C-alpha atoms as a PDB file:
ATOM      1  CA  MET A   1      10.205 -53.035  54.873  1.00  0.00           C
ATOM      2  CA  ASP A   2       7.566 -51.141  52.714  1.00  0.00           C
ATOM      3  CA  ALA A   3       6.996 -47.879  54.631  1.00  0.00           C
ATOM      4  CA  ASP A   4       4.958 -46.216  51.492  1.00  0.00           C
ATOM      5  CA  GLY A   5       2.279 -49.496  52.127  1.00  0.00           C
ATOM      6  CA  ASP A   6       2.349 -49.816  47.940  1.00  0.00           C
ATOM      7  CA  GLY A   7       3.255 -53.408  48.271  1.00  0.00           C
ATOM      8  CA  PHE A   8       6.860 -53.202  47.287  1.00  0.00           C
ATOM      9  CA  GLY A   9       9.814 -53.531  49.913  1.00  0.00           C
ATOM     10  CA  ALA A  10      13.411 -51.906  49.685  1.00  0.00           C
ATOM     11  CA  GLY A  11      16.342 -52.698  51.981  1.00  0.00           C
ATOM     12  CA  VAL A  12      17.463 -55.414  53.604  1.00  0.00           C
ATOM     13  CA  ALA A  13      15.444 -58.665  54.001  1.00  0.00           C
ATOM     14  CA  THR A  14      14.859 -59.942  57.197  1.00  0.00           C
ATOM     15  CA  SER A  15      13.946 -63.709  57.357  1.00  0.00           C
ATOM     16  CA  SER A  16      10.956 -64.878  59.353  1.00  0.00           C
ATOM     17  CA  CYS A  17       8.774 -67.439  59.319  1.00  0.00           C
ATOM     18  CA  ASN A  18       5.999 -65.346  60.681  1.00  0.00           C
ATOM     19  CA  PRO A  19       4.710 -62.014  58.729  1.00  0.00           C
ATOM     20  CA  ILE A  20       5.980 -58.919  59.802  1.00  0.00           C
ATOM     21  CA  VAL A  21       3.952 -55.629  60.156  1.00  0.00           C
ATOM     22  CA  GLY A  22       5.206 -53.238  58.184  1.00  0.00           C
ATOM     23  CA  SER A  23       6.920 -55.602  55.913  1.00  0.00           C
ATOM     24  CA  VAL A  24       6.226 -57.506  52.152  1.00  0.00           C
ATOM     25  CA  LEU A  25       8.000 -60.508  50.981  1.00  0.00           C
ATOM     26  CA  VAL A  26       8.269 -58.614  47.320  1.00  0.00           C
ATOM     27  CA  ASP A  27      11.194 -56.717  46.905  1.00  0.00           C
ATOM     28  CA  GLY A  28      12.654 -53.384  44.206  1.00  0.00           C
ATOM     29  CA  ASP A  29      10.640 -50.411  45.713  1.00  0.00           C
ATOM     30  CA  CYS A  30      12.832 -47.527  44.178  1.00  0.00           C
ATOM     31  CA  ASP A  31      11.361 -45.281  46.446  1.00  0.00           C
ATOM     32  CA  ASP A  32       9.566 -46.431  49.607  1.00  0.00           C
ATOM     33  CA  ASN A  33       8.747 -43.357  50.712  1.00  0.00           C
ATOM     34  CA  ASN A  34       6.087 -42.871  47.343  1.00  0.00           C
ATOM     35  CA  ALA A  35       2.877 -45.187  47.018  1.00  0.00           C
ATOM     36  CA  ALA A  36       3.090 -44.244  43.266  1.00  0.00           C
ATOM     37  CA  VAL A  37       6.191 -45.809  42.503  1.00  0.00           C
ATOM     38  CA  ASN A  38       6.829 -49.304  42.762  1.00  0.00           C
ATOM     39  CA  PRO A  39       7.965 -51.972  39.877  1.00  0.00           C
ATOM     40  CA  GLY A  40       4.418 -52.462  39.532  1.00  0.00           C
ATOM     41  CA  ALA A  41       3.667 -48.894  38.640  1.00  0.00           C
ATOM     42  CA  SER A  42       2.678 -47.820  34.606  1.00  0.00           C
ATOM     43  CA  GLU A  43       5.135 -45.082  33.613  1.00  0.00           C
ATOM     44  CA  ILE A  44       4.068 -41.471  33.581  1.00  0.00           C
ATOM     45  CA  CYS A  45       5.270 -38.008  32.032  1.00  0.00           C
ATOM     46  CA  ASN A  46       6.576 -36.278  35.391  1.00  0.00           C
ATOM     47  CA  GLY A  47      10.399 -36.836  35.080  1.00  0.00           C
ATOM     48  CA  ILE A  48      10.234 -40.037  37.806  1.00  0.00           C
ATOM     49  CA  ASP A  49      11.672 -43.667  37.297  1.00  0.00           C
ATOM     50  CA  ASP A  50       7.667 -44.684  37.946  1.00  0.00           C
ATOM     51  CA  ASP A  51       7.704 -48.120  37.578  1.00  0.00           C
ATOM     52  CA  CYS A  52      11.783 -48.237  39.010  1.00  0.00           C
ATOM     53  CA  ASN A  53      13.094 -50.023  35.602  1.00  0.00           C
ATOM     54  CA  GLY A  54      15.897 -47.052  35.764  1.00  0.00           C
ATOM     55  CA  LEU A  55      14.558 -44.995  33.309  1.00  0.00           C
ATOM     56  CA  SER A  56      12.686 -42.156  33.734  1.00  0.00           C
ATOM     57  CA  ASP A  57       9.721 -41.726  31.173  1.00  0.00           C
ATOM     58  CA  ASP A  58      10.503 -44.702  29.366  1.00  0.00           C
ATOM     59  CA  GLY A  59       8.051 -45.944  26.722  1.00  0.00           C
ATOM     60  CA  LEU A  60       6.179 -42.601  26.775  1.00  0.00           C
ATOM     61  CA  VAL A  61       6.022 -40.117  23.373  1.00  0.00           C
ATOM     62  CA  PHE A  62       7.851 -37.340  23.318  1.00  0.00           C
ATOM     63  CA  LEU A  63       7.277 -34.332  21.287  1.00  0.00           C
ATOM     64  CA  ASP A  64       8.939 -30.761  20.211  1.00  0.00           C
ATOM     65  CA  TYR A  65       7.913 -28.211  22.007  1.00  0.00           C
ATOM     66  CA  TYR A  66       8.494 -24.290  20.996  1.00  0.00           C
ATOM     67  CA  VAL A  67       7.677 -21.221  23.102  1.00  0.00           C
ATOM     68  CA  ASP A  68       4.758 -19.155  21.831  1.00  0.00           C
ATOM     69  CA  ALA A  69       5.078 -15.974  23.395  1.00  0.00           C
ATOM     70  CA  ASP A  70       2.048 -14.361  21.362  1.00  0.00           C
ATOM     71  CA  GLY A  71       0.087 -16.625  21.965  1.00  0.00           C
ATOM     72  CA  ASP A  72      -0.979 -17.486  18.426  1.00  0.00           C
ATOM     73  CA  GLY A  73      -0.255 -20.887  18.061  1.00  0.00           C
ATOM     74  CA  PHE A  74       3.107 -20.841  16.375  1.00  0.00           C
ATOM     75  CA  GLY A  75       6.453 -21.017  18.239  1.00  0.00           C
ATOM     76  CA  THR A  76      10.017 -20.328  17.523  1.00  0.00           C
ATOM     77  CA  GLY A  77      13.539 -20.652  19.565  1.00  0.00           C
ATOM     78  CA  VAL A  78      14.684 -23.931  20.084  1.00  0.00           C
ATOM     79  CA  ALA A  79      12.616 -27.040  20.963  1.00  0.00           C
ATOM     80  CA  THR A  80      11.876 -28.162  24.469  1.00  0.00           C
ATOM     81  CA  SER A  81      11.421 -32.174  24.174  1.00  0.00           C
ATOM     82  CA  SER A  82       8.998 -33.406  26.210  1.00  0.00           C
ATOM     83  CA  CYS A  83       6.198 -36.036  27.309  1.00  0.00           C
ATOM     84  CA  SER A  84       3.563 -33.488  27.995  1.00  0.00           C
ATOM     85  CA  PRO A  85       2.407 -30.451  27.448  1.00  0.00           C
ATOM     86  CA  ILE A  86       4.335 -27.227  28.189  1.00  0.00           C
ATOM     87  CA  VAL A  87       2.479 -24.286  29.116  1.00  0.00           C
ATOM     88  CA  GLY A  88       3.156 -21.567  27.015  1.00  0.00           C
ATOM     89  CA  SER A  89       4.757 -23.518  24.296  1.00  0.00           C
ATOM     90  CA  VAL A  90       3.359 -25.306  21.262  1.00  0.00           C
ATOM     91  CA  LEU A  91       3.844 -28.258  18.544  1.00  0.00           C
ATOM     92  CA  VAL A  92       4.580 -25.647  15.908  1.00  0.00           C
ATOM     93  CA  ASP A  93       7.172 -23.981  15.027  1.00  0.00           C
ATOM     94  CA  GLY A  94       8.158 -20.847  12.507  1.00  0.00           C
ATOM     95  CA  ASP A  95       6.970 -18.123  14.183  1.00  0.00           C
ATOM     96  CA  CYS A  96       8.873 -14.979  13.116  1.00  0.00           C
ATOM     97  CA  ASP A  97       7.559 -12.349  15.128  1.00  0.00           C
ATOM     98  CA  ASP A  98       6.490 -13.778  18.162  1.00  0.00           C
ATOM     99  CA  ASN A  99       5.867 -10.641  19.707  1.00  0.00           C
ATOM    100  CA  ASN A 100       2.707  -9.950  17.381  1.00  0.00           C
ATOM    101  CA  ALA A 101       0.146 -12.634  17.218  1.00  0.00           C
ATOM    102  CA  ALA A 102      -0.881 -11.713  13.616  1.00  0.00           C
ATOM    103  CA  VAL A 103       2.301 -12.668  12.471  1.00  0.00           C
ATOM    104  CA  ASN A 104       2.477 -16.273  11.910  1.00  0.00           C
ATOM    105  CA  PRO A 105       3.174 -18.816   8.940  1.00  0.00           C
ATOM    106  CA  GLY A 106      -1.187 -19.256   9.345  1.00  0.00           C
ATOM    107  CA  ALA A 107      -1.645 -15.696   8.881  1.00  0.00           C
ATOM    108  CA  THR A 108      -3.026 -13.874   5.373  1.00  0.00           C
ATOM    109  CA  GLU A 109      -0.465 -11.626   4.079  1.00  0.00           C
ATOM    110  CA  ILE A 110      -1.931  -8.093   4.241  1.00  0.00           C
ATOM    111  CA  CYS A 111      -0.647  -5.105   2.529  1.00  0.00           C
ATOM    112  CA  ASN A 112       1.866  -3.314   5.707  1.00  0.00           C
ATOM    113  CA  GLY A 113       5.302  -3.820   4.566  1.00  0.00           C
ATOM    114  CA  ILE A 114       5.434  -6.764   6.339  1.00  0.00           C
ATOM    115  CA  ASP A 115       5.937 -10.914   6.281  1.00  0.00           C
ATOM    116  CA  ASP A 116       2.372 -11.875   7.941  1.00  0.00           C
ATOM    117  CA  ASP A 117       2.812 -15.574   6.665  1.00  0.00           C
ATOM    118  CA  CYS A 118       6.415 -15.943   7.389  1.00  0.00           C
ATOM    119  CA  ASN A 119       7.447 -17.326   4.666  1.00  0.00           C
ATOM    120  CA  GLY A 120      10.777 -14.959   3.879  1.00  0.00           C
ATOM    121  CA  LEU A 121       8.695 -12.488   1.634  1.00  0.00           C
ATOM    122  CA  SER A 122       6.568  -9.093   2.344  1.00  0.00           C
ATOM    123  CA  ASP A 123       3.576  -8.310   0.823  1.00  0.00           C
ATOM    124  CA  ASP A 124       3.571 -11.275  -1.646  1.00  0.00           C
ATOM    125  CA  GLY A 125       1.042 -11.937  -3.601  1.00  0.00           C
ATOM    126  CA  LEU A 126      -0.931  -8.920  -3.313  1.00  0.00           C
ATOM    127  CA  VAL A 127      -1.655  -6.472  -6.508  1.00  0.00           C
ATOM    128  CA  PHE A 128       0.803  -3.565  -6.699  1.00  0.00           C
ATOM    129  CA  LEU A 129      -0.088  -0.570  -8.670  1.00  0.00           C
ATOM    130  CA  ASP A 130       2.275   2.635 -10.067  1.00  0.00           C
ATOM    131  CA  TYR A 131       0.486   5.678  -7.600  1.00  0.00           C
ATOM    132  CA  TYR A 132       1.526   9.599  -8.780  1.00  0.00           C
ATOM    133  CA  VAL A 133       1.408  12.358  -6.476  1.00  0.00           C
ATOM    134  CA  ASP A 134      -1.790  14.695  -7.046  1.00  0.00           C
ATOM    135  CA  ALA A 135      -0.489  17.993  -5.068  1.00  0.00           C
ATOM    136  CA  ASP A 136      -3.290  19.365  -6.805  1.00  0.00           C
ATOM    137  CA  GLY A 137      -6.025  17.317  -6.083  1.00  0.00           C
ATOM    138  CA  ASP A 138      -7.746  17.751  -9.517  1.00  0.00           C
ATOM    139  CA  GLY A 139      -7.130  13.253 -10.097  1.00  0.00           C
ATOM    140  CA  PHE A 140      -4.088  13.143 -12.058  1.00  0.00           C
ATOM    141  CA  GLY A 141      -0.770  13.089 -10.348  1.00  0.00           C
ATOM    142  CA  ALA A 142       2.881  13.923 -11.877  1.00  0.00           C
ATOM    143  CA  GLY A 143       6.324  12.563 -11.160  1.00  0.00           C
ATOM    144  CA  VAL A 144       7.851   9.328 -10.549  1.00  0.00           C
ATOM    145  CA  ALA A 145       5.312   6.683  -9.731  1.00  0.00           C
ATOM    146  CA  THR A 146       5.321   4.916  -6.395  1.00  0.00           C
ATOM    147  CA  SER A 147       4.518   1.036  -6.516  1.00  0.00           C
ATOM    148  CA  SER A 148       1.537   0.265  -3.870  1.00  0.00           C
ATOM    149  CA  CYS A 149      -0.228  -2.672  -3.111  1.00  0.00           C
ATOM    150  CA  SER A 150      -2.706  -0.143  -0.753  1.00  0.00           C
ATOM    151  CA  PRO A 151      -4.046   3.388  -1.747  1.00  0.00           C
ATOM    152  CA  ILE A 152      -1.270   6.279  -0.568  1.00  0.00           C
ATOM    153  CA  VAL A 153      -3.062   9.560   0.389  1.00  0.00           C
ATOM    154  CA  GLY A 154      -2.035  12.321  -1.606  1.00  0.00           C
ATOM    155  CA  SER A 155      -1.729  10.110  -4.669  1.00  0.00           C
ATOM    156  CA  VAL A 156      -3.502   8.721  -7.590  1.00  0.00           C
ATOM    157  CA  LEU A 157      -3.956   5.778 -10.107  1.00  0.00           C
ATOM    158  CA  VAL A 158      -3.697   8.105 -13.391  1.00  0.00           C
ATOM    159  CA  ASP A 159      -0.389   9.922 -14.218  1.00  0.00           C
ATOM    160  CA  GLY A 160      -0.210  13.036 -17.051  1.00  0.00           C
ATOM    161  CA  ASP A 161      -0.574  16.180 -15.341  1.00  0.00           C
ATOM    162  CA  CYS A 162       2.057  18.712 -16.689  1.00  0.00           C
ATOM    163  CA  ASP A 163       1.152  21.602 -14.224  1.00  0.00           C
ATOM    164  CA  ASP A 164       0.155  19.510 -10.812  1.00  0.00           C
ATOM    165  CA  ASN A 165      -0.197  22.973  -8.599  1.00  0.00           C
ATOM    166  CA  ASN A 166      -3.195  23.898 -10.755  1.00  0.00           C
ATOM    167  CA  ALA A 167      -6.013  21.416 -10.883  1.00  0.00           C
ATOM    168  CA  ALA A 168      -7.382  23.702 -14.151  1.00  0.00           C
ATOM    169  CA  VAL A 169      -4.585  21.959 -15.532  1.00  0.00           C
ATOM    170  CA  ASN A 170      -4.730  18.346 -16.356  1.00  0.00           C
ATOM    171  CA  PRO A 171      -5.335  16.002 -19.482  1.00  0.00           C
ATOM    172  CA  SER A 172      -9.463  16.264 -18.916  1.00  0.00           C
ATOM    173  CA  ALA A 173      -9.336  19.769 -18.894  1.00  0.00           C
ATOM    174  CA  THR A 174     -10.981  21.948 -21.809  1.00  0.00           C
ATOM    175  CA  GLU A 175      -8.892  23.896 -23.281  1.00  0.00           C
ATOM    176  CA  VAL A 176      -9.251  27.725 -23.412  1.00  0.00           C
ATOM    177  CA  CYS A 177      -7.719  30.514 -24.633  1.00  0.00           C
ATOM    178  CA  ASN A 178      -5.072  31.557 -22.224  1.00  0.00           C
ATOM    179  CA  SER A 179      -1.396  30.851 -23.567  1.00  0.00           C
ATOM    180  CA  ILE A 180      -1.808  27.889 -21.360  1.00  0.00           C
ATOM    181  CA  ASP A 181      -1.768  24.349 -22.110  1.00  0.00           C
ATOM    182  CA  ASP A 182      -4.818  23.468 -20.555  1.00  0.00           C
ATOM    183  CA  ASP A 183      -5.179  19.857 -21.578  1.00  0.00           C
ATOM    184  CA  CYS A 184      -1.576  18.522 -20.931  1.00  0.00           C
ATOM    185  CA  ASP A 185      -1.547  17.589 -24.730  1.00  0.00           C
ATOM    186  CA  GLY A 186       1.943  19.796 -25.643  1.00  0.00           C
ATOM    187  CA  LEU A 187      -0.310  22.491 -27.564  1.00  0.00           C
ATOM    188  CA  ILE A 188      -0.907  26.115 -26.462  1.00  0.00           C
ATOM    189  CA  ASP A 189      -4.864  27.002 -27.553  1.00  0.00           C
ATOM    190  CA  GLU A 190      -4.834  24.765 -30.044  1.00  0.00           C
ATOM    191  CA  GLY A 191      -8.870  25.328 -31.471  1.00  0.00           C
ATOM    192  CA  VAL A 192      -9.065  28.527 -29.377  1.00  0.00           C
ATOM    193  CA  LEU A 193      -7.213  30.849 -31.163  1.00  0.00           C
ATOM    194  CA  LEU A 194      -8.756  34.103 -32.019  1.00  0.00           C
ATOM    195  CA  THR A 195      -7.588  35.667 -35.471  1.00  0.00           C
ATOM    196  CA  PHE A 196      -7.308  39.190 -35.534  1.00  0.00           C
ATOM    197  CA  TYR A 197      -6.231  41.594 -38.434  1.00  0.00           C
ATOM    198  CA  ALA A 198      -3.716  44.490 -38.366  1.00  0.00           C
ATOM    199  CA  ASP A 199      -5.091  48.160 -37.679  1.00  0.00           C
ATOM    200  CA  VAL A 200      -2.112  50.088 -39.269  1.00  0.00           C
ATOM    201  CA  ASP A 201      -3.809  53.821 -39.547  1.00  0.00           C
ATOM    202  CA  GLY A 202      -6.015  52.981 -36.301  1.00  0.00           C
ATOM    203  CA  ASP A 203      -9.598  53.652 -37.347  1.00  0.00           C
ATOM    204  CA  GLY A 204     -10.893  50.319 -35.283  1.00  0.00           C
ATOM    205  CA  PHE A 205     -10.839  48.703 -38.980  1.00  0.00           C
ATOM    206  CA  GLY A 206      -8.308  46.149 -39.888  1.00  0.00           C
ATOM    207  CA  ASP A 207      -6.627  44.762 -43.541  1.00  0.00           C
ATOM    208  CA  ALA A 208      -7.887  41.195 -44.389  1.00  0.00           C
ATOM    209  CA  SER A 209      -5.089  40.397 -45.707  1.00  0.00           C
ATOM    210  CA  SER A 210      -3.224  41.494 -42.582  1.00  0.00           C
ATOM    211  CA  THR A 211      -3.517  38.560 -39.655  1.00  0.00           C
ATOM    212  CA  THR A 212      -2.387  36.859 -36.453  1.00  0.00           C
ATOM    213  CA  GLN A 213      -3.826  34.772 -34.233  1.00  0.00           C
ATOM    214  CA  ALA A 214      -3.883  34.964 -30.264  1.00  0.00           C
ATOM    215  CA  CYS A 215      -6.667  35.142 -27.707  1.00  0.00           C
ATOM    216  CA  SER A 216      -7.196  38.401 -27.115  1.00  0.00           C
ATOM    217  CA  ALA A 217      -6.375  41.870 -29.865  1.00  0.00           C
ATOM    218  CA  PRO A 218      -3.006  42.598 -29.739  1.00  0.00           C
ATOM    219  CA  VAL A 219      -1.395  45.885 -30.117  1.00  0.00           C
ATOM    220  CA  GLY A 220      -2.506  47.269 -33.389  1.00  0.00           C
ATOM    221  CA  TYR A 221      -5.248  44.900 -33.910  1.00  0.00           C
ATOM    222  CA  VAL A 222      -8.944  44.753 -34.144  1.00  0.00           C
ATOM    223  CA  ALA A 223     -11.666  41.687 -34.503  1.00  0.00           C
ATOM    224  CA  ASP A 224     -13.200  43.851 -37.627  1.00  0.00           C
ATOM    225  CA  ASN A 225     -11.315  43.246 -40.997  1.00  0.00           C
ATOM    226  CA  THR A 226     -13.102  45.414 -43.605  1.00  0.00           C
ATOM    227  CA  ASP A 227     -10.699  48.401 -43.343  1.00  0.00           C
ATOM    228  CA  CYS A 228     -10.299  48.811 -47.448  1.00  0.00           C
ATOM    229  CA  ASP A 229      -7.503  51.236 -46.595  1.00  0.00           C
ATOM    230  CA  ASP A 230      -5.617  50.613 -43.305  1.00  0.00           C
ATOM    231  CA  ASN A 231      -3.122  53.421 -44.019  1.00  0.00           C
ATOM    232  CA  ASN A 232      -5.836  56.066 -44.081  1.00  0.00           C
ATOM    233  CA  ALA A 233      -7.645  56.119 -41.160  1.00  0.00           C
ATOM    234  CA  ALA A 234     -10.512  58.627 -42.856  1.00  0.00           C
ATOM    235  CA  VAL A 235     -11.360  55.820 -44.200  1.00  0.00           C
ATOM    236  CA  ASN A 236     -13.019  53.196 -42.943  1.00  0.00           C
ATOM    237  CA  PRO A 237     -16.810  50.826 -43.105  1.00  0.00           C
ATOM    238  CA  GLY A 238     -17.646  53.467 -40.481  1.00  0.00           C
ATOM    239  CA  ALA A 239     -16.394  56.971 -42.176  1.00  0.00           C
ATOM    240  CA  THR A 240     -18.925  58.752 -43.890  1.00  0.00           C
ATOM    241  CA  GLU A 241     -18.509  59.317 -47.984  1.00  0.00           C
ATOM    242  CA  ILE A 242     -17.908  63.018 -49.154  1.00  0.00           C
ATOM    243  CA  CYS A 243     -16.621  63.782 -52.894  1.00  0.00           C
ATOM    244  CA  ASN A 244     -13.079  62.993 -53.287  1.00  0.00           C
ATOM    245  CA  GLY A 245     -13.319  60.628 -56.075  1.00  0.00           C
ATOM    246  CA  ILE A 246     -12.514  57.854 -52.950  1.00  0.00           C
ATOM    247  CA  ASP A 247     -14.402  54.976 -51.713  1.00  0.00           C
ATOM    248  CA  ASP A 248     -14.446  56.844 -47.986  1.00  0.00           C
ATOM    249  CA  ASP A 249     -16.702  54.522 -46.279  1.00  0.00           C
ATOM    250  CA  CYS A 250     -15.526  50.711 -47.905  1.00  0.00           C
ATOM    251  CA  ASN A 251     -18.434  49.766 -49.799  1.00  0.00           C
ATOM    252  CA  GLY A 252     -17.478  49.510 -52.460  1.00  0.00           C
ATOM    253  CA  LEU A 253     -18.509  52.653 -54.278  1.00  0.00           C
ATOM    254  CA  SER A 254     -17.012  55.970 -54.317  1.00  0.00           C
ATOM    255  CA  ARG A 255     -18.615  59.842 -54.559  1.00  0.00           C
ATOM    256  CA  ARG A 256     -17.112  62.456 -57.812  1.00  0.00           C
ATOM    257  CA  SER A 257     -18.056  66.360 -58.006  1.00  0.00           C
ATOM    258  CA  ARG A 258     -19.855  66.833 -61.097  1.00  0.00           C
END
């Protein structure tokens, strides 16, 4: 009997001297309800023994397919061997995060703390620089450096700030006379201190031989150094010369009575 009309029959043979309608002379059909299955058919990938040789999908090329959940062309997990493509699976495995299409062996590594290219390393091959917290926003940082392959908000590449709470104090600042190390060189008021002279007698004129350096006049000191007798308040360059045998006005001359 050839029930599916494919030219191949099956079942018990009937001997006849005349052709029998619905029957053929060739047997061997392994599925006589499917005309595509018979000994003359070509084996196709469908899990069926199409050519009735006792094997399913024999002679076909089987490949390993991996589930590609994120659709990036790279799969992961246990392979499924198939002679035809599997929907949602690909031939290439190695995806280390199959829920993120931006992460796969073909991706370019970017600075994000993630192993983008699935080589087992995060941010590898990128340039890392040392960043220092710049609390006062003056362009100079301080403290322990943080190595990063991308800029860090609130941090800069230059350290050396000796007071990161004062934007006027940093290695590029100009030293001014204020008792502060403005330029962070370890010295205070270097090159800008003024010289003041002791004014023992309080007449506003100082003694050139008794000096101190400061930003502003300390108590008991003045900027003038022309007092010729700093123990006598009546003697100074601003005094009026009187007849007393003393150089009252410190001009180097004294008036004597005749």
